[in-house]
Amino acid sequence: MKVMGLDYGDRRIGVAMSDAFGWTAQGLEVIERRKDESEYGKIAELVRGNEVSEIVVGLPKNMNGTVGPRGEIAMAFAERLRELLNIPVHLWDERLTTVAAERTLLEADVSRKKRKQVVDKLAASLILQNYLDANIKR
């Protein structure tokens, strides 16, 4: 079974997926958030279609380790996913993953327009890979 990683943002949700062994994370797509909350249906569809057994949601913490307003929003999102999908949903410290994703794309000389399209997906894959590395069962 696979693990899904989500980078939950104000406008977009980056989605990453592990391989079947849970060793590597790959960016999958970016879901636009909508007022009608259709993003939950899209996530449920991806969970079913990819045989996802658990989800990892990035938890934005302050640099001192405390959870602020953005973190509370991510926690509420994770709880809603738990209720809707009835699978384990973990929160994972995502400090600086978006910064790392941006830096990687800048170093690869990706245009600003293209960076905007893929940064959330790359951040989700970094969150998921960090989780997999810390929890790998080989």
Protein backbone atom coordinates (compact mmCIF):
# COMPACT_ATOMS: atom_id res chain seq x y z
CA MET A 1 0.00 0.00 0.00
CA LYS A 2 1.11 3.55 -0.70
CA VAL A 3 1.50 6.65 1.45
CA MET A 4 0.23 10.03 0.24
CA GLY A 5 1.90 13.29 1.22
CA LEU A 6 0.03 16.59 1.23
CA ASP A 7 1.34 20.14 1.44
CA TYR A 8 -1.76 22.10 2.47
CA GLY A 9 -1.67 25.76 1.46
CA ASP A 10 -4.01 28.72 1.25
CA ARG A 11 -4.70 28.25 -2.48
CA ARG A 12 -3.26 24.90 -3.45
CA ILE A 13 -2.57 21.43 -2.06
CA GLY A 14 0.61 19.74 -3.27
CA VAL A 15 0.23 15.97 -3.59
CA ALA A 16 2.99 13.35 -3.52
CA MET A 17 2.83 9.57 -3.53
CA SER A 18 5.19 6.89 -2.29
CA ASP A 19 6.15 3.82 -4.23
CA ALA A 20 4.49 0.55 -3.20
CA PHE A 21 7.37 -0.23 -0.80
CA GLY A 22 7.17 3.13 0.97
CA TRP A 23 10.79 3.97 0.13
CA THR A 24 10.56 6.94 -2.24
CA ALA A 25 8.24 9.90 -2.75
CA GLN A 26 7.30 11.39 -6.11
CA GLY A 27 5.35 14.57 -6.75
CA LEU A 28 1.97 13.72 -8.22
CA GLU A 29 -0.10 16.85 -8.78
CA VAL A 30 -1.39 20.11 -7.38
CA ILE A 31 -5.04 20.45 -6.36
CA GLU A 32 -6.59 23.91 -6.40
CA ARG A 33 -8.62 24.69 -3.29
CA ARG A 34 -12.23 25.70 -3.97
CA LYS A 35 -14.99 27.38 -2.02
CA ASP A 36 -17.15 24.27 -2.48
CA GLU A 37 -14.38 22.17 -0.85
CA SER A 38 -14.28 19.81 -3.83
CA GLU A 39 -10.62 19.21 -3.02
CA TYR A 40 -11.74 16.62 -0.44
CA GLY A 41 -13.46 14.61 -3.17
CA LYS A 42 -10.36 14.80 -5.36
CA ILE A 43 -8.16 13.59 -2.49
CA ALA A 44 -10.60 10.73 -1.78
CA GLU A 45 -10.48 9.78 -5.46
CA LEU A 46 -6.66 9.72 -5.40
CA VAL A 47 -6.68 7.63 -2.20
CA ARG A 48 -8.97 5.03 -3.76
CA GLY A 49 -7.30 5.03 -7.16
CA ASN A 50 -3.79 4.64 -5.77
CA GLU A 51 -4.61 2.23 -2.91
CA VAL A 52 -3.33 4.68 -0.29
CA SER A 53 -3.11 3.21 3.21
CA GLU A 54 -2.13 6.41 5.07
CA ILE A 55 -1.67 10.13 4.54
CA VAL A 56 1.00 12.53 5.77
CA VAL A 57 0.03 16.20 6.06
CA GLY A 58 2.72 18.83 6.45
CA LEU A 59 2.43 20.67 9.77
CA PRO A 60 3.80 24.21 9.52
CA LYS A 61 5.49 24.97 12.83
CA ASN A 62 7.16 28.16 13.94
CA MET A 63 10.96 28.04 14.02
CA ASN A 64 10.81 27.65 17.83
CA GLY A 65 8.71 24.49 17.42
CA THR A 66 5.37 25.94 18.46
CA VAL A 67 2.21 25.57 16.39
CA GLY A 68 0.68 28.83 15.17
CA PRO A 69 -2.50 29.66 13.26
CA ARG A 70 -1.31 27.99 10.00
CA GLY A 71 -0.49 24.86 11.97
CA GLU A 72 -3.93 24.80 13.54
CA ILE A 73 -5.51 25.04 10.07
CA ALA A 74 -3.39 22.09 8.89
CA MET A 75 -4.41 20.11 11.98
CA ALA A 76 -8.09 20.75 11.27
CA PHE A 77 -7.56 19.68 7.63
CA ALA A 78 -5.88 16.45 8.79
CA GLU A 79 -8.72 15.72 11.22
CA ARG A 80 -11.30 16.24 8.47
CA LEU A 81 -9.40 13.80 6.22
CA ARG A 82 -9.36 11.23 9.05
CA GLU A 83 -13.13 11.51 9.43
CA LEU A 84 -13.87 11.41 5.69
CA LEU A 85 -11.46 8.68 4.62
CA ASN A 86 -11.19 6.51 7.73
CA ILE A 87 -7.46 5.90 7.26
CA PRO A 88 -4.49 7.06 9.38
CA VAL A 89 -3.53 10.69 8.79
CA HIS A 90 -0.23 11.82 10.29
CA LEU A 91 1.06 15.34 10.80
CA TRP A 92 4.72 15.88 9.91
CA ASP A 93 6.88 18.92 10.65
CA GLU A 94 7.26 20.75 7.36
CA ARG A 95 9.46 23.62 8.47
CA LEU A 96 11.37 25.04 5.53
CA THR A 97 10.18 22.45 2.97
CA THR A 98 8.63 25.10 0.72
CA VAL A 99 11.84 27.15 1.04
CA ALA A 100 13.89 24.06 0.11
CA ALA A 101 11.58 23.36 -2.83
CA GLU A 102 11.90 26.95 -4.08
CA ARG A 103 15.69 26.82 -3.72
CA THR A 104 15.88 23.55 -5.65
CA LEU A 105 13.79 24.98 -8.47
CA LEU A 106 15.85 28.19 -8.56
CA GLU A 107 19.09 26.20 -8.72
CA ALA A 108 17.61 24.21 -11.61
CA ASP A 109 16.88 27.55 -13.34
CA VAL A 110 13.14 26.86 -13.55
CA SER A 111 11.17 29.91 -14.68
CA ARG A 112 9.03 31.80 -12.17
CA LYS A 113 5.81 30.72 -13.90
CA LYS A 114 6.84 27.06 -13.92
CA ARG A 115 8.05 27.25 -10.27
CA LYS A 116 4.62 28.45 -9.18
CA GLN A 117 3.04 25.41 -10.84
CA VAL A 118 5.32 22.80 -9.25
CA VAL A 119 6.58 24.17 -5.91
CA ASP A 120 3.64 22.75 -3.93
CA LYS A 121 4.06 19.31 -5.50
CA LEU A 122 7.80 19.36 -4.75
CA ALA A 123 7.16 20.51 -1.16
CA ALA A 124 4.69 17.62 -0.73
CA SER A 125 7.31 15.16 -1.98
CA LEU A 126 9.89 16.57 0.47
CA ILE A 127 7.43 16.24 3.37
CA LEU A 128 6.60 12.68 2.37
CA GLN A 129 10.23 11.66 1.78
CA ASN A 130 11.24 13.00 5.20
CA TYR A 131 8.39 11.02 6.78
CA LEU A 132 9.33 7.86 4.87
CA ASP A 133 13.01 8.20 5.79
CA ALA A 134 12.14 8.54 9.48
CA ASN A 135 9.67 5.64 9.44
CA ILE A 136 11.14 3.26 6.89
CA LYS A 137 10.55 -0.42 7.52
CA ARG A 138 13.08 -2.37 5.42
